[in-house]
Amino acid sequence: MSDDRFSALLSVCVESLIQYMIVRDGISERDALAELYSSELYALLEQERTKLWHYSTETLYCLLREERETGRLTFPDV
């Protein structure tokens, strides 16, 4: 996949996840961005080879919550 195409996909994933966090957690966009961008999940999501962008917004949200609550990530079996 080209870098431009991946950047576009990542932008869509991030925007969707941020909006989901705002609604589910009742937090500001700024707080949602800060939480996501400082997470291990985001560090992995921005690497095309991990293919995390294939996961649904809800699954990514659950992974982010798990990371916040436990400090680790457990990826679902695909």
N, C-alpha and C. Protein backbone atom coordinates (compact mmCIF):
# COMPACT_ATOMS: atom_id res chain seq x y z
N MET A 1 0.84 -1.16 0.00
CA MET A 1 0.00 0.00 0.00
C MET A 1 0.90 1.24 0.00
N SER A 2 0.51 2.24 -0.75
CA SER A 2 1.31 3.47 -0.81
C SER A 2 1.19 4.24 0.51
N ASP A 3 2.19 5.06 0.76
CA ASP A 3 2.19 5.89 1.97
C ASP A 3 1.00 6.84 1.99
N ASP A 4 0.66 7.41 0.85
CA ASP A 4 -0.47 8.34 0.77
C ASP A 4 -1.79 7.64 1.10
N ARG A 5 -1.95 6.47 0.57
CA ARG A 5 -3.18 5.72 0.84
C ARG A 5 -3.27 5.33 2.31
N PHE A 6 -2.15 4.89 2.88
CA PHE A 6 -2.16 4.52 4.28
C PHE A 6 -2.44 5.75 5.16
N SER A 7 -1.85 6.87 4.83
CA SER A 7 -2.10 8.10 5.59
C SER A 7 -3.58 8.46 5.58
N ALA A 8 -4.21 8.30 4.43
CA ALA A 8 -5.63 8.59 4.33
C ALA A 8 -6.45 7.62 5.19
N LEU A 9 -6.11 6.34 5.14
CA LEU A 9 -6.81 5.35 5.97
C LEU A 9 -6.61 5.62 7.45
N LEU A 10 -5.39 5.95 7.83
CA LEU A 10 -5.10 6.24 9.24
C LEU A 10 -5.90 7.45 9.71
N SER A 11 -5.99 8.47 8.88
CA SER A 11 -6.76 9.67 9.23
C SER A 11 -8.22 9.33 9.48
N VAL A 12 -8.78 8.49 8.64
CA VAL A 12 -10.18 8.08 8.80
C VAL A 12 -10.35 7.28 10.09
N CYS A 13 -9.44 6.35 10.35
CA CYS A 13 -9.50 5.54 11.58
C CYS A 13 -9.41 6.41 12.82
N VAL A 14 -8.46 7.33 12.81
CA VAL A 14 -8.26 8.21 13.97
C VAL A 14 -9.48 9.09 14.19
N GLU A 15 -9.99 9.70 13.16
CA GLU A 15 -11.16 10.57 13.29
C GLU A 15 -12.36 9.80 13.83
N SER A 16 -12.58 8.62 13.32
CA SER A 16 -13.69 7.80 13.78
C SER A 16 -13.51 7.42 15.25
N LEU A 17 -12.31 7.03 15.62
CA LEU A 17 -12.04 6.63 16.99
C LEU A 17 -12.16 7.82 17.95
N ILE A 18 -11.69 8.98 17.55
CA ILE A 18 -11.80 10.17 18.38
C ILE A 18 -13.27 10.52 18.62
N GLN A 19 -14.06 10.49 17.58
CA GLN A 19 -15.49 10.79 17.74
C GLN A 19 -16.17 9.78 18.65
N TYR A 20 -15.80 8.52 18.52
CA TYR A 20 -16.35 7.45 19.36
C TYR A 20 -15.98 7.69 20.82
N MET A 21 -14.73 8.09 21.08
CA MET A 21 -14.28 8.37 22.45
C MET A 21 -15.04 9.55 23.04
N ILE A 22 -15.26 10.58 22.25
CA ILE A 22 -15.98 11.76 22.72
C ILE A 22 -17.38 11.37 23.18
N VAL A 23 -18.05 10.57 22.38
CA VAL A 23 -19.42 10.15 22.71
C VAL A 23 -19.44 9.18 23.89
N ARG A 24 -18.62 8.13 23.81
CA ARG A 24 -18.65 7.09 24.85
C ARG A 24 -18.11 7.56 26.19
N ASP A 25 -17.04 8.36 26.17
CA ASP A 25 -16.39 8.76 27.41
C ASP A 25 -16.82 10.14 27.89
N GLY A 26 -17.51 10.87 27.03
CA GLY A 26 -17.94 12.22 27.40
C GLY A 26 -16.77 13.16 27.64
N ILE A 27 -15.74 13.02 26.81
CA ILE A 27 -14.55 13.86 26.97
C ILE A 27 -14.42 14.81 25.79
N SER A 28 -13.57 15.79 25.94
CA SER A 28 -13.36 16.76 24.86
C SER A 28 -12.53 16.14 23.75
N GLU A 29 -12.58 16.76 22.60
CA GLU A 29 -11.77 16.30 21.47
C GLU A 29 -10.29 16.39 21.84
N ARG A 30 -9.92 17.45 22.51
CA ARG A 30 -8.52 17.64 22.91
C ARG A 30 -8.06 16.50 23.82
N ASP A 31 -8.89 16.12 24.80
CA ASP A 31 -8.53 15.03 25.71
C ASP A 31 -8.48 13.69 24.98
N ALA A 32 -9.41 13.48 24.07
CA ALA A 32 -9.42 12.23 23.29
C ALA A 32 -8.16 12.13 22.44
N LEU A 33 -7.79 13.21 21.79
CA LEU A 33 -6.57 13.22 20.97
C LEU A 33 -5.34 12.96 21.83
N ALA A 34 -5.27 13.61 22.97
CA ALA A 34 -4.12 13.44 23.86
C ALA A 34 -4.00 11.99 24.32
N GLU A 35 -5.13 11.39 24.69
CA GLU A 35 -5.10 10.00 25.14
C GLU A 35 -4.68 9.07 24.02
N LEU A 36 -5.28 9.24 22.85
CA LEU A 36 -4.97 8.35 21.74
C LEU A 36 -3.51 8.49 21.31
N TYR A 37 -3.06 9.72 21.10
CA TYR A 37 -1.72 9.93 20.57
C TYR A 37 -0.61 9.52 21.55
N SER A 38 -0.93 9.43 22.84
CA SER A 38 0.07 9.01 23.81
C SER A 38 0.02 7.51 24.10
N SER A 39 -0.83 6.79 23.39
CA SER A 39 -1.03 5.36 23.66
C SER A 39 -0.10 4.47 22.83
N GLU A 40 0.13 3.29 23.37
CA GLU A 40 0.85 2.25 22.63
C GLU A 40 0.04 1.82 21.41
N LEU A 41 -1.29 1.80 21.58
CA LEU A 41 -2.17 1.43 20.47
C LEU A 41 -1.92 2.33 19.26
N TYR A 42 -1.84 3.64 19.49
CA TYR A 42 -1.60 4.54 18.37
C TYR A 42 -0.24 4.29 17.74
N ALA A 43 0.76 4.06 18.57
CA ALA A 43 2.10 3.78 18.04
C ALA A 43 2.07 2.58 17.11
N LEU A 44 1.26 1.59 17.43
CA LEU A 44 1.13 0.41 16.58
C LEU A 44 0.21 0.68 15.39
N LEU A 45 -0.85 1.45 15.61
CA LEU A 45 -1.81 1.76 14.56
C LEU A 45 -1.16 2.53 13.42
N GLU A 46 -0.19 3.38 13.74
CA GLU A 46 0.43 4.18 12.69
C GLU A 46 1.48 3.41 11.88
N GLN A 47 1.67 2.15 12.22
CA GLN A 47 2.56 1.28 11.44
C GLN A 47 1.71 0.41 10.51
N GLU A 48 1.77 0.66 9.26
CA GLU A 48 0.92 -0.04 8.28
C GLU A 48 1.04 -1.56 8.40
N ARG A 49 2.24 -2.04 8.68
CA ARG A 49 2.47 -3.49 8.71
C ARG A 49 1.69 -4.23 9.80
N THR A 50 1.24 -3.50 10.84
CA THR A 50 0.48 -4.15 11.92
C THR A 50 -0.95 -4.48 11.49
N LYS A 51 -1.43 -3.79 10.48
CA LYS A 51 -2.78 -3.99 9.94
C LYS A 51 -3.88 -3.69 10.97
N LEU A 52 -3.57 -2.94 12.01
CA LEU A 52 -4.59 -2.61 13.02
C LEU A 52 -5.71 -1.76 12.44
N TRP A 53 -5.45 -1.05 11.36
CA TRP A 53 -6.47 -0.23 10.73
C TRP A 53 -7.62 -1.07 10.16
N HIS A 54 -7.42 -2.38 10.11
CA HIS A 54 -8.49 -3.28 9.68
C HIS A 54 -9.57 -3.44 10.76
N TYR A 55 -9.21 -3.21 12.02
CA TYR A 55 -10.16 -3.38 13.12
C TYR A 55 -11.23 -2.30 13.08
N SER A 56 -12.40 -2.65 13.59
CA SER A 56 -13.49 -1.68 13.66
C SER A 56 -13.18 -0.61 14.70
N THR A 57 -13.90 0.48 14.61
CA THR A 57 -13.74 1.56 15.59
C THR A 57 -14.03 1.03 17.00
N GLU A 58 -15.06 0.24 17.13
CA GLU A 58 -15.41 -0.30 18.44
C GLU A 58 -14.30 -1.19 19.00
N THR A 59 -13.70 -2.01 18.16
CA THR A 59 -12.61 -2.88 18.61
C THR A 59 -11.40 -2.04 19.02
N LEU A 60 -11.07 -1.03 18.23
CA LEU A 60 -9.95 -0.15 18.58
C LEU A 60 -10.23 0.56 19.90
N TYR A 61 -11.46 0.99 20.10
CA TYR A 61 -11.85 1.65 21.35
C TYR A 61 -11.67 0.68 22.53
N CYS A 62 -12.10 -0.55 22.38
CA CYS A 62 -11.95 -1.55 23.45
C CYS A 62 -10.48 -1.80 23.76
N LEU A 63 -9.65 -1.84 22.74
CA LEU A 63 -8.21 -2.01 22.95
C LEU A 63 -7.62 -0.82 23.70
N LEU A 64 -8.06 0.37 23.35
CA LEU A 64 -7.57 1.57 24.02
C LEU A 64 -8.00 1.57 25.49
N ARG A 65 -9.23 1.18 25.76
CA ARG A 65 -9.72 1.11 27.15
C ARG A 65 -8.92 0.07 27.94
N GLU A 66 -8.65 -1.07 27.31
CA GLU A 66 -7.86 -2.10 27.97
C GLU A 66 -6.48 -1.57 28.33
N GLU A 67 -5.87 -0.86 27.37
CA GLU A 67 -4.54 -0.30 27.63
C GLU A 67 -4.61 0.67 28.80
N ARG A 68 -5.63 1.51 28.83
CA ARG A 68 -5.76 2.48 29.92
C ARG A 68 -5.94 1.78 31.26
N GLU A 69 -6.77 0.75 31.28
CA GLU A 69 -7.12 0.08 32.55
C GLU A 69 -6.07 -0.90 33.04
N THR A 70 -5.37 -1.56 32.12
CA THR A 70 -4.44 -2.63 32.52
C THR A 70 -2.98 -2.34 32.18
N GLY A 71 -2.77 -1.39 31.29
CA GLY A 71 -1.41 -1.09 30.86
C GLY A 71 -0.88 -2.03 29.79
N ARG A 72 -1.75 -2.87 29.27
CA ARG A 72 -1.30 -3.79 28.20
C ARG A 72 -2.39 -3.92 27.13
N LEU A 73 -1.99 -4.50 26.02
CA LEU A 73 -2.91 -4.72 24.88
C LEU A 73 -3.00 -6.22 24.60
N THR A 74 -4.20 -6.69 24.42
CA THR A 74 -4.43 -8.06 24.01
C THR A 74 -5.25 -8.02 22.73
N PHE A 75 -4.64 -8.45 21.65
CA PHE A 75 -5.32 -8.35 20.36
C PHE A 75 -6.24 -9.53 20.13
N PRO A 76 -7.42 -9.25 19.57
CA PRO A 76 -8.38 -10.32 19.31
C PRO A 76 -7.86 -11.29 18.25
N ASP A 77 -8.28 -12.54 18.37
CA ASP A 77 -7.95 -13.51 17.33
C ASP A 77 -8.71 -13.15 16.08
N VAL A 78 -8.04 -13.21 14.97
CA VAL A 78 -8.68 -12.87 13.70
C VAL A 78 -8.90 -14.11 12.89
